[in-house]
Amino acid sequence: MRARARLVVATAAATLLIGCVSGPAQSEPDPGPDGSGRGGDKADERVLVFSRTAGFRHDSIPDGVAAVRDLGAAHGFTVDATEDARAFTPKNLARYDAVVWLSTTGDVLNSAQQTAFERYVRAGGGYVGIHAAADTEYDWPFYGGLVGAHFQSHPAIQPAKTKVEDHAHPATAHLGAGWDRTDEWYNYRSNPRARARVLASLDESSYSGGTMGGDHPIAWCQSSVGGAGRSFYTGGGHTKQSYADPAFRTHLLGGIQYATGAAQADCRPEQGYTPLFDGTAASLTRWKQAGPGSFALKDDGTLTSVGGMGLLWYADHSFASYSLKLDWKMTGTDNDDNSGVFVGFPPSDDPWSAVNNGYEIQIDATDAPEKTTGSVYGFKSADLAARDRALNPPGRWNTYELRVEGERLRIWLNGVQINDYTNTDPARSLRDGHIGIQNHGGDDQVAFRDIRVKELATGRGGPAPDTAPGAGGAGAR
C-alpha cells in the first residue's frame, strides 16, 4: 500500500460499491451519512476502474473490467468499477489507491470532478491509463501531463514488434528483449520520453502506419506527478483478445501495482545512457572476472552470481563523473543474499583491491545499518526509512542509480535518494576509477541486468526533471 497521506474518514454504515460497467452507472455512489464512502483507514489496496466514454466506445471495455477484477481477486486488491463521473468526489476518491481509466474517450468529468481528481493525484493517488485513456480530456492540461501523451491517429489492427526498454518495472519485468503482439497501435501527438520513463516502444519497421519517426513509446510511467502521485500508461488494450493474454494481463498487473504503491520502480525520465551490459554475451567481452566464482549469463539476459568471493569489473576504461544505473534482484531461497556494486577502484585481478581502494554500495537485507542495502559499505548507512519505503522485497527487481561527481557519491533506489556520501579518505578517490559487481559466495545469489552509464560532462547532476503537462487538442478514437 502506498505511503501517502490518506484522508482518514469515519464510518456509520456499509458502503455501496460502485456498480457494473456494461452500461452507464445509474445511481450516484452512496457516500454514507458522513459523506465518506468508507470507514477508517483502508486495510488493503482498492482500485476504481472508470470507463465512461463521450466519444468512440471500445467493445473490449467489459473484457478489460473483468480482467482487472480477476487480477484483484488473485493478487489481493479490491476492484470497484463505474461509468458514473459522480464517483469523482474527494471523499469517494479517498477510498482508492489508484484509478484505472479504461479506454475512456472525450470529456468525461466536469470542472468540480476534475479538481477532485487532480487533488487526489497530487496527494499521492495513483493513475493507470489503458489505450484510449490517451483519447480523453484534451483540454485539461493536468490530465495531459498525467497520461503523458495524447492520441493522434492509428492504422489498422496488426502485429508489431515492441522493444522492452525497462526490465525492472513490474509491468515489463516478465518480458524479454522484445514483445510481439497484435493490437491497434496509436500514434501520439507528442513524445513522452522527456517527462516519463519509457518502458516499451514500437519498432515502426515491423508494421505499417507508424508516424513518430522511429522513436515510438507505447508504455511508460511517471513518479511524483503533480506532487506525490504515480502514473502508468499502456497503449495496448484495444482488442478483446488482449485481456485474455497472460503477458498483457501481467503487464496491467504490474502497472496497477506500481500505481497503488504495492511495487516500487524508478519512473524518472532516462535518456543518454550507454549500455555496458545489455543481456548479451557480446557485451561481456569488455568485462573481466577477478578472483574466484563467476557470473552465469541466463537466457533472459540476466547475470546471476555463482560462487565467490570475486568481482566482475568493467575493464575497458575507468570513469570519473558519471551516473551508473543497473537493475538487481535477490534470487536465493533464504531471502538473505549478499552482493554489491563497487565504484572508484583501480584495475586489478585481485577482488580485494576493490574492497581496499574503492567503495561498495551494498546489497544485503540483514547486516548492520552501515553494511546493509543502500549503504556505502562500512562508511555510511542509507537513510533507512527512505530505503525501506523504496525497496522491493527479495524476488523482485530493484534499480540503483549511483551518481559520482568529484568525491561525492549519491545513491538512488527505485528513484528515491537514500544516501549521500563524500569521500575524505586520502587513500581513496572517487574522481577516477572502475566499476564492478560482486559475486560474494556460493550461498549468495543475486542477479543483475541492464547495466548502463551516462558520463556527466559538466560534473554536475541532479534529480530528473518533473513531468510537464501535455498539449491539448481535439479527440479521435
Protein backbone atom coordinates (compact mmCIF):
# COMPACT_ATOMS: atom_id res chain seq x y z
CA MET A 1 0.00 0.00 0.00
CA ARG A 2 1.39 3.37 -0.94
CA ALA A 3 2.87 5.62 1.72
CA ARG A 4 0.80 8.73 1.08
CA ALA A 5 -1.19 10.92 3.39
CA ARG A 6 -4.66 9.43 3.30
CA LEU A 7 -7.85 11.19 4.16
CA VAL A 8 -8.98 9.38 7.31
CA VAL A 9 -12.74 9.08 7.35
CA ALA A 10 -15.25 7.71 9.83
CA THR A 11 -17.95 5.20 9.00
CA ALA A 12 -21.55 4.89 10.01
CA ALA A 13 -22.97 2.42 7.51
CA ALA A 14 -21.98 -0.16 4.95
CA THR A 15 -20.72 1.25 1.67
CA LEU A 16 -22.46 0.70 -1.62
CA LEU A 17 -19.84 -0.46 -4.12
CA ILE A 18 -19.77 1.33 -7.41
CA GLY A 19 -21.54 -0.77 -9.94
CA CYS A 20 -21.24 -2.69 -13.17
CA VAL A 21 -19.78 -1.12 -16.31
CA SER A 22 -21.73 -2.85 -19.03
CA GLY A 23 -23.74 0.37 -19.23
CA PRO A 24 -23.54 3.76 -17.59
CA ALA A 25 -23.89 3.73 -13.82
CA GLN A 26 -27.49 4.52 -12.94
CA SER A 27 -27.12 5.96 -9.47
CA GLU A 28 -24.70 8.13 -7.60
CA PRO A 29 -22.39 6.22 -5.23
CA ASP A 30 -23.80 6.35 -1.71
CA PRO A 31 -21.38 8.48 0.31
CA GLY A 32 -22.73 7.33 3.67
CA PRO A 33 -24.09 9.61 6.40
CA ASP A 34 -20.78 11.44 6.79
CA GLY A 35 -20.09 11.66 3.05
CA SER A 36 -17.03 9.46 3.30
CA GLY A 37 -18.00 6.30 1.45
CA ARG A 38 -15.81 4.15 3.68
CA GLY A 39 -14.89 3.97 7.33
CA GLY A 40 -11.40 4.31 8.75
CA ASP A 41 -8.07 3.68 7.06
CA LYS A 42 -8.11 1.11 4.27
CA ALA A 43 -6.73 -2.31 5.21
CA ASP A 44 -5.75 -3.27 1.67
CA GLU A 45 -5.34 -1.78 -1.78
CA ARG A 46 -8.51 -0.70 -3.51
CA VAL A 47 -8.77 0.22 -7.18
CA LEU A 48 -11.52 2.04 -9.09
CA VAL A 49 -11.99 1.22 -12.78
CA PHE A 50 -13.52 4.14 -14.68
CA SER A 51 -14.67 3.55 -18.27
CA ARG A 52 -17.02 6.38 -19.20
CA THR A 53 -16.96 7.31 -22.90
CA ALA A 54 -18.07 10.53 -24.58
CA GLY A 55 -16.68 9.56 -27.97
CA PHE A 56 -15.80 6.25 -29.59
CA ARG A 57 -16.68 3.25 -27.40
CA HIS A 58 -14.46 0.15 -27.38
CA ASP A 59 -16.29 -3.15 -27.24
CA SER A 60 -13.39 -4.57 -25.23
CA ILE A 61 -14.26 -2.49 -22.13
CA PRO A 62 -16.22 -5.31 -20.38
CA ASP A 63 -13.29 -7.66 -21.02
CA GLY A 64 -10.93 -5.11 -19.52
CA VAL A 65 -13.05 -4.68 -16.41
CA ALA A 66 -13.29 -8.45 -15.97
CA ALA A 67 -9.52 -8.79 -16.35
CA VAL A 68 -8.82 -6.16 -13.67
CA ARG A 69 -11.34 -7.83 -11.36
CA ASP A 70 -9.60 -11.18 -11.91
CA LEU A 71 -6.21 -9.62 -11.18
CA GLY A 72 -7.54 -8.08 -7.99
CA ALA A 73 -9.01 -11.36 -6.79
CA ALA A 74 -5.76 -13.18 -7.50
CA HIS A 75 -3.40 -10.56 -6.06
CA GLY A 76 -5.19 -9.14 -3.08
CA PHE A 77 -6.68 -5.80 -4.11
CA THR A 78 -10.34 -4.86 -4.23
CA VAL A 79 -11.81 -3.63 -7.52
CA ASP A 80 -14.86 -1.42 -8.00
CA ALA A 81 -15.99 -0.24 -11.43
CA THR A 82 -18.14 2.62 -12.63
CA GLU A 83 -19.04 4.82 -15.57
CA ASP A 84 -20.62 7.41 -13.30
CA ALA A 85 -18.48 10.56 -13.08
CA ARG A 86 -20.17 11.41 -9.78
CA ALA A 87 -17.75 8.94 -8.22
CA PHE A 88 -15.11 11.69 -8.55
CA THR A 89 -15.60 13.43 -5.23
CA PRO A 90 -12.82 13.99 -2.69
CA LYS A 91 -14.32 11.68 -0.11
CA ASN A 92 -15.09 8.88 -2.52
CA LEU A 93 -11.69 9.03 -4.24
CA ALA A 94 -10.05 8.80 -0.82
CA ARG A 95 -11.22 5.19 -0.70
CA TYR A 96 -8.90 4.22 -3.56
CA ASP A 97 -5.18 3.73 -4.00
CA ALA A 98 -5.44 4.08 -7.78
CA VAL A 99 -7.98 4.85 -10.50
CA VAL A 100 -7.81 2.92 -13.79
CA TRP A 101 -9.02 4.91 -16.79
CA LEU A 102 -10.03 2.07 -19.12
CA SER A 103 -10.44 3.24 -22.74
CA THR A 104 -12.24 6.39 -21.71
CA THR A 105 -12.86 8.87 -24.54
CA GLY A 106 -13.74 12.53 -24.80
CA ASP A 107 -14.62 14.90 -21.95
CA VAL A 108 -15.81 12.69 -19.11
CA LEU A 109 -15.52 14.90 -16.00
CA ASN A 110 -16.91 18.33 -15.17
CA SER A 111 -14.71 21.01 -13.60
CA ALA A 112 -15.51 20.05 -9.99
CA GLN A 113 -14.77 16.40 -10.72
CA GLN A 114 -11.52 17.35 -12.44
CA THR A 115 -10.48 19.37 -9.39
CA ALA A 116 -11.25 16.46 -7.07
CA PHE A 117 -9.20 14.04 -9.16
CA GLU A 118 -6.30 16.46 -9.54
CA ARG A 119 -6.14 16.95 -5.77
CA TYR A 120 -6.35 13.19 -5.30
CA VAL A 121 -3.32 12.61 -7.55
CA ARG A 122 -1.33 15.48 -6.06
CA ALA A 123 -1.89 13.95 -2.61
CA GLY A 124 -0.47 10.60 -3.74
CA GLY A 125 -3.26 8.85 -5.62
CA GLY A 126 -2.34 6.55 -8.48
CA TYR A 127 -3.39 6.70 -12.13
CA VAL A 128 -3.47 3.87 -14.69
CA GLY A 129 -4.35 4.73 -18.28
CA ILE A 130 -5.23 1.98 -20.74
CA HIS A 131 -5.35 2.51 -24.53
CA ALA A 132 -7.94 5.22 -25.27
CA ALA A 133 -7.28 6.92 -21.94
CA ALA A 134 -4.96 8.92 -24.22
CA ASP A 135 -8.05 10.00 -26.22
CA THR A 136 -9.57 11.73 -23.21
CA GLU A 137 -9.79 15.26 -21.76
CA TYR A 138 -7.71 17.09 -24.38
CA ASP A 139 -8.45 20.50 -22.87
CA TRP A 140 -7.44 19.61 -19.29
CA PRO A 141 -3.69 20.32 -19.02
CA PHE A 142 -3.22 18.38 -15.78
CA TYR A 143 -4.65 15.25 -17.36
CA GLY A 144 -2.44 15.71 -20.42
CA GLY A 145 0.61 15.64 -18.17
CA LEU A 146 -0.76 12.69 -16.21
CA VAL A 147 -1.44 10.45 -19.22
CA GLY A 148 1.85 11.54 -20.78
CA ALA A 149 0.76 11.97 -24.40
CA HIS A 150 -2.50 12.36 -26.31
CA PHE A 151 -3.77 10.25 -29.18
CA GLN A 152 -3.09 11.41 -32.76
CA SER A 153 -4.08 8.56 -35.13
CA HIS A 154 -3.86 4.82 -35.66
CA PRO A 155 -3.54 2.35 -38.53
CA ALA A 156 -5.46 -0.90 -38.80
CA ILE A 157 -5.11 -3.61 -36.15
CA GLN A 158 -1.97 -5.61 -36.98
CA PRO A 159 1.00 -7.44 -35.43
CA ALA A 160 4.02 -5.37 -34.36
CA LYS A 161 7.29 -5.81 -32.53
CA THR A 162 7.82 -4.00 -29.26
CA LYS A 163 11.22 -3.26 -27.75
CA VAL A 164 11.24 -3.60 -23.97
CA GLU A 165 13.33 -0.74 -22.57
CA ASP A 166 12.89 -1.32 -18.83
CA HIS A 167 13.18 -4.81 -17.38
CA ALA A 168 12.88 -3.79 -13.73
CA HIS A 169 9.44 -2.20 -13.73
CA PRO A 170 6.78 -4.72 -12.64
CA ALA A 171 4.81 -4.03 -15.83
CA THR A 172 7.66 -5.24 -18.06
CA ALA A 173 9.93 -7.34 -15.80
CA HIS A 174 8.32 -10.55 -17.10
CA LEU A 175 9.15 -9.77 -20.73
CA GLY A 176 12.21 -10.48 -22.81
CA ALA A 177 14.07 -8.04 -25.03
CA GLY A 178 11.12 -7.97 -27.45
CA TRP A 179 7.38 -8.46 -27.24
CA ASP A 180 5.44 -9.43 -30.36
CA ARG A 181 1.70 -8.90 -30.20
CA THR A 182 -1.32 -7.75 -32.21
CA ASP A 183 -3.22 -4.60 -31.29
CA GLU A 184 -4.35 -1.23 -32.57
CA TRP A 185 -1.18 0.87 -32.37
CA TYR A 186 -1.64 4.52 -31.50
CA ASN A 187 0.44 7.39 -32.79
CA TYR A 188 0.69 10.20 -30.24
CA ARG A 189 0.70 13.99 -30.57
CA SER A 190 3.90 14.28 -28.55
CA ASN A 191 6.70 12.04 -27.38
CA PRO A 192 6.57 11.44 -23.60
CA ARG A 193 10.22 10.38 -23.31
CA ALA A 194 11.47 13.68 -21.88
CA ARG A 195 8.99 13.57 -18.98
CA ALA A 196 8.34 9.86 -18.38
CA ARG A 197 10.26 6.61 -18.09
CA VAL A 198 9.56 4.74 -21.31
CA LEU A 199 9.02 1.05 -20.55
CA ALA A 200 8.44 -0.19 -24.10
CA SER A 201 8.49 1.27 -27.61
CA LEU A 202 7.27 0.14 -31.01
CA ASP A 203 9.55 -0.89 -33.86
CA GLU A 204 7.89 1.10 -36.63
CA SER A 205 9.65 -1.02 -39.26
CA SER A 206 7.69 -4.06 -38.06
CA TYR A 207 4.25 -2.74 -39.05
CA SER A 208 2.67 -0.10 -41.27
CA GLY A 209 1.24 3.22 -40.17
CA GLY A 210 3.67 4.42 -37.51
CA THR A 211 4.26 8.17 -37.72
CA MET A 212 6.52 9.04 -34.79
CA GLY A 213 9.82 8.99 -36.65
CA GLY A 214 11.29 5.83 -35.22
CA ASP A 215 11.05 6.75 -31.51
CA HIS A 216 7.61 5.45 -30.66
CA PRO A 217 6.92 4.88 -26.95
CA ILE A 218 3.92 2.65 -26.26
CA ALA A 219 4.08 2.16 -22.47
CA TRP A 220 5.53 4.47 -19.82
CA CYS A 221 5.36 5.54 -16.19
CA GLN A 222 5.88 8.69 -14.13
CA SER A 223 6.62 9.39 -10.48
CA SER A 224 5.83 12.41 -8.29
CA VAL A 225 3.13 13.55 -10.69
CA GLY A 226 1.90 16.94 -9.57
CA GLY A 227 3.37 16.23 -6.15
CA ALA A 228 3.15 12.68 -4.85
CA GLY A 229 1.09 10.79 -7.44
CA ARG A 230 2.13 7.91 -9.69
CA SER A 231 1.15 7.35 -13.30
CA PHE A 232 1.29 4.33 -15.63
CA TYR A 233 0.03 4.22 -19.21
CA THR A 234 -0.09 1.47 -21.81
CA GLY A 235 -1.18 1.92 -25.40
CA GLY A 236 -2.27 -1.71 -25.65
CA GLY A 237 -5.75 -2.98 -24.91
CA HIS A 238 -7.89 -2.17 -27.95
CA THR A 239 -8.80 -5.78 -28.65
CA LYS A 240 -10.83 -8.18 -26.55
CA GLN A 241 -8.07 -10.75 -27.02
CA SER A 242 -5.60 -8.50 -25.17
CA TYR A 243 -7.36 -9.11 -21.87
CA ALA A 244 -7.13 -12.89 -22.23
CA ASP A 245 -3.38 -12.75 -22.99
CA PRO A 246 -1.37 -13.75 -19.87
CA ALA A 247 1.56 -11.49 -20.80
CA PHE A 248 -0.70 -8.48 -21.27
CA ARG A 249 -2.56 -9.21 -18.03
CA THR A 250 0.76 -9.34 -16.18
CA HIS A 251 1.65 -6.05 -17.87
CA LEU A 252 -1.55 -4.50 -16.49
CA LEU A 253 -0.98 -6.03 -13.06
CA GLY A 254 2.48 -4.50 -12.81
CA GLY A 255 1.15 -1.10 -13.83
CA ILE A 256 -1.61 -1.28 -11.23
CA GLN A 257 0.78 -2.44 -8.51
CA TYR A 258 3.10 0.45 -9.31
CA ALA A 259 0.25 2.96 -9.26
CA THR A 260 -1.08 1.75 -5.90
CA GLY A 261 2.40 1.67 -4.36
CA ALA A 262 2.40 -2.09 -3.88
CA ALA A 263 5.53 -2.26 -6.08
CA GLN A 264 8.37 0.24 -6.43
CA ALA A 265 10.15 1.37 -9.60
CA ASP A 266 12.35 4.15 -10.95
CA CYS A 267 10.00 6.12 -13.21
CA ARG A 268 12.13 9.21 -13.67
CA PRO A 269 12.89 10.02 -17.32
CA GLU A 270 16.01 8.26 -18.59
CA GLN A 271 17.98 9.43 -21.63
CA GLY A 272 21.59 9.43 -22.74
CA TYR A 273 22.79 6.20 -21.10
CA THR A 274 25.24 3.83 -22.80
CA PRO A 275 24.81 0.09 -22.12
CA LEU A 276 27.79 -1.65 -20.52
CA PHE A 277 25.91 -4.93 -20.18
CA ASP A 278 22.76 -5.37 -22.28
CA GLY A 279 21.98 -9.03 -21.67
CA THR A 280 24.18 -10.40 -24.46
CA ALA A 281 27.42 -12.33 -24.36
CA ALA A 282 28.96 -9.78 -26.73
CA SER A 283 28.51 -7.02 -24.16
CA LEU A 284 30.54 -9.03 -21.63
CA THR A 285 33.72 -9.01 -23.71
CA ARG A 286 34.84 -5.76 -22.05
CA TRP A 287 34.40 -7.16 -18.55
CA LYS A 288 36.87 -9.25 -16.53
CA GLN A 289 36.39 -11.66 -13.64
CA ALA A 290 38.72 -11.09 -10.69
CA GLY A 291 39.05 -13.79 -8.06
CA PRO A 292 37.03 -16.97 -7.60
CA GLY A 293 33.50 -17.67 -8.74
CA SER A 294 31.78 -16.13 -11.73
CA PHE A 295 28.51 -14.89 -13.12
CA ALA A 296 26.20 -17.06 -15.21
CA LEU A 297 24.54 -15.43 -18.22
CA LYS A 298 20.96 -16.66 -18.39
CA ASP A 299 18.66 -16.85 -21.42
CA ASP A 300 16.61 -13.94 -20.07
CA GLY A 301 19.63 -11.63 -20.27
CA THR A 302 20.46 -11.64 -16.57
CA LEU A 303 23.75 -12.28 -14.81
CA THR A 304 23.49 -14.41 -11.66
CA SER A 305 26.35 -14.71 -9.19
CA VAL A 306 27.99 -18.12 -8.84
CA GLY A 307 30.41 -18.84 -6.01
CA GLY A 308 32.97 -16.30 -4.90
CA MET A 309 34.28 -14.17 -3.42
CA GLY A 310 35.03 -12.43 -6.70
CA LEU A 311 34.31 -9.37 -8.79
CA LEU A 312 33.17 -8.88 -12.37
CA TRP A 313 34.53 -5.49 -13.38
CA TYR A 314 34.34 -3.30 -16.47
CA ALA A 315 37.92 -3.25 -17.75
CA ASP A 316 37.56 -1.25 -20.97
CA HIS A 317 38.08 2.08 -19.22
CA SER A 318 37.58 3.91 -15.95
CA PHE A 319 35.01 6.59 -15.17
CA ALA A 320 35.21 9.98 -13.50
CA SER A 321 31.96 11.97 -13.30
CA TYR A 322 29.03 9.72 -14.19
CA SER A 323 25.65 8.23 -13.42
CA LEU A 324 25.61 4.42 -13.25
CA LYS A 325 22.30 2.58 -13.38
CA LEU A 326 21.66 -1.12 -13.01
CA ASP A 327 18.88 -3.50 -12.02
CA TRP A 328 19.35 -6.17 -9.35
CA LYS A 329 17.34 -8.84 -7.60
CA MET A 330 17.96 -11.23 -4.72
CA THR A 331 17.17 -14.71 -6.02
CA GLY A 332 18.15 -17.10 -3.19
CA THR A 333 15.57 -19.09 -1.26
CA ASP A 334 16.57 -17.77 2.18
CA ASN A 335 15.94 -14.09 1.29
CA ASP A 336 19.34 -13.22 2.75
CA ASP A 337 21.66 -12.87 -0.22
CA ASN A 338 24.73 -10.67 -0.31
CA SER A 339 26.35 -8.73 -3.14
CA GLY A 340 27.30 -5.20 -4.01
CA VAL A 341 28.32 -2.69 -6.65
CA PHE A 342 31.88 -1.34 -6.50
CA VAL A 343 32.99 2.06 -7.77
CA GLY A 344 36.20 4.09 -7.73
CA PHE A 345 38.81 1.31 -7.67
CA PRO A 346 41.97 0.78 -9.76
CA PRO A 347 42.31 -2.06 -12.30
CA SER A 348 43.34 -5.33 -10.70
CA ASP A 349 42.87 -9.10 -10.92
CA ASP A 350 42.54 -9.15 -7.14
CA PRO A 351 38.95 -8.53 -5.96
CA TRP A 352 40.28 -7.29 -2.62
CA SER A 353 41.81 -4.33 -4.42
CA ALA A 354 38.30 -3.01 -4.99
CA VAL A 355 37.44 -3.60 -1.32
CA ASN A 356 40.56 -1.82 -0.07
CA ASN A 357 40.70 1.01 -2.59
CA GLY A 358 37.16 1.61 -3.77
CA TYR A 359 33.66 1.79 -2.34
CA GLU A 360 30.95 -0.86 -2.23
CA ILE A 361 27.28 0.02 -2.44
CA GLN A 362 25.83 -2.88 -0.55
CA ILE A 363 23.07 -5.34 -1.38
CA ASP A 364 22.26 -7.26 1.82
CA ALA A 365 18.96 -7.43 3.68
CA THR A 366 20.12 -8.30 7.18
CA ASP A 367 23.51 -6.77 8.07
CA ALA A 368 24.28 -3.80 10.34
CA PRO A 369 22.93 -0.42 9.10
CA GLU A 370 26.27 0.69 7.64
CA LYS A 371 26.58 -2.67 5.88
CA THR A 372 23.10 -3.27 4.52
CA THR A 373 21.30 -2.44 1.29
CA GLY A 374 21.92 1.13 0.17
CA SER A 375 24.89 1.70 2.44
CA VAL A 376 28.36 2.72 1.39
CA TYR A 377 29.72 -0.44 2.99
CA GLY A 378 31.48 0.27 6.27
CA PHE A 379 31.33 4.04 5.78
CA LYS A 380 27.76 5.34 5.78
CA SER A 381 24.34 3.81 6.30
CA ALA A 382 21.49 4.56 3.95
CA ASP A 383 18.56 6.62 5.16
CA LEU A 384 16.81 3.50 6.43
CA ALA A 385 13.28 4.91 6.43
CA ALA A 386 13.60 6.12 2.84
CA ARG A 387 15.35 2.88 1.84
CA ASP A 388 12.64 0.69 3.33
CA ARG A 389 9.88 2.64 1.57
CA ALA A 390 11.66 2.35 -1.78
CA LEU A 391 12.88 -1.26 -1.54
CA ASN A 392 11.21 -4.15 -3.31
CA PRO A 393 11.44 -7.48 -1.45
CA PRO A 394 13.61 -10.46 -2.48
CA GLY A 395 12.39 -11.97 -5.73
CA ARG A 396 11.55 -8.58 -7.26
CA TRP A 397 13.78 -6.29 -9.27
CA ASN A 398 15.24 -3.07 -7.89
CA THR A 399 17.09 -0.27 -9.69
CA TYR A 400 20.15 1.54 -8.35
CA GLU A 401 21.43 4.85 -9.62
CA LEU A 402 24.93 5.66 -8.37
CA ARG A 403 25.93 9.21 -9.21
CA VAL A 404 29.60 10.10 -8.79
CA GLU A 405 30.70 13.73 -9.06
CA GLY A 406 34.15 14.53 -7.73
CA GLU A 407 34.42 12.85 -4.32
CA ARG A 408 30.65 12.85 -3.85
CA LEU A 409 28.60 9.66 -4.23
CA ARG A 410 24.82 9.75 -4.19
CA ILE A 411 22.61 6.68 -4.29
CA TRP A 412 19.06 6.33 -5.57
CA LEU A 413 16.97 3.19 -5.06
CA ASN A 414 13.97 2.85 -7.37
CA GLY A 415 14.07 6.59 -7.99
CA VAL A 416 14.35 7.62 -4.32
CA GLN A 417 17.57 9.14 -2.99
CA ILE A 418 18.69 7.08 0.01
CA ASN A 419 22.34 8.04 0.57
CA ASP A 420 24.73 10.95 0.08
CA TYR A 421 28.39 10.33 0.90
CA THR A 422 31.51 12.41 0.39
CA ASN A 423 34.92 10.76 0.47
CA THR A 424 37.53 12.36 2.75
CA ASP A 425 39.96 9.45 2.85
CA PRO A 426 43.21 10.49 1.10
CA ALA A 427 43.98 6.84 0.35
CA ARG A 428 40.81 6.52 -1.77
CA SER A 429 39.34 8.62 -4.53
CA LEU A 430 36.11 8.62 -6.49
CA ARG A 431 37.45 11.03 -9.08
CA ASP A 432 38.58 8.24 -11.37
CA GLY A 433 38.03 4.50 -11.12
CA HIS A 434 36.43 1.35 -12.43
CA ILE A 435 33.04 -0.18 -11.69
CA GLY A 436 32.16 -3.79 -10.89
CA ILE A 437 29.59 -6.18 -9.41
CA GLN A 438 30.39 -8.68 -6.68
CA ASN A 439 29.81 -12.42 -6.54
CA HIS A 440 30.01 -12.81 -2.77
CA GLY A 441 29.80 -16.55 -2.19
CA GLY A 442 28.14 -19.81 -3.11
CA ASP A 443 25.13 -19.26 -0.84
CA ASP A 444 24.54 -15.70 -2.06
CA GLN A 445 22.55 -15.45 -5.27
CA VAL A 446 21.96 -12.01 -6.72
CA ALA A 447 21.01 -11.29 -10.34
CA PHE A 448 21.91 -8.18 -12.36
CA ARG A 449 20.83 -6.83 -15.72
CA ASP A 450 20.80 -3.71 -17.87
CA ILE A 451 23.97 -2.04 -16.57
CA ARG A 452 24.28 1.36 -18.21
CA VAL A 453 26.23 4.58 -17.68
CA LYS A 454 25.93 8.25 -18.56
CA GLU A 455 29.07 10.33 -18.30
CA LEU A 456 28.39 13.77 -16.85
CA ALA A 457 30.46 16.22 -18.84
CA THR A 458 29.87 19.14 -16.52
CA GLY A 459 30.42 17.14 -13.35
CA ARG A 460 27.09 18.34 -12.10
CA GLY A 461 23.84 16.45 -11.82
CA GLY A 462 20.52 16.46 -10.09
CA PRO A 463 17.26 14.62 -9.85
CA ALA A 464 15.42 14.06 -13.09
CA PRO A 465 13.10 16.89 -14.11
CA ASP A 466 9.48 16.87 -13.07
CA THR A 467 6.80 15.90 -15.55
CA ALA A 468 5.34 18.59 -17.75
CA PRO A 469 1.74 18.98 -18.83
CA GLY A 470 0.76 17.60 -22.21
CA ALA A 471 -0.68 19.54 -25.10
CA GLY A 472 -4.38 19.91 -25.74
CA GLY A 473 -6.29 19.09 -28.87
CA ALA A 474 -9.36 17.50 -30.37
CA GLY A 475 -10.43 13.91 -29.94
CA ALA A 476 -10.36 10.82 -32.13
CA ARG A 477 -10.81 7.18 -31.35
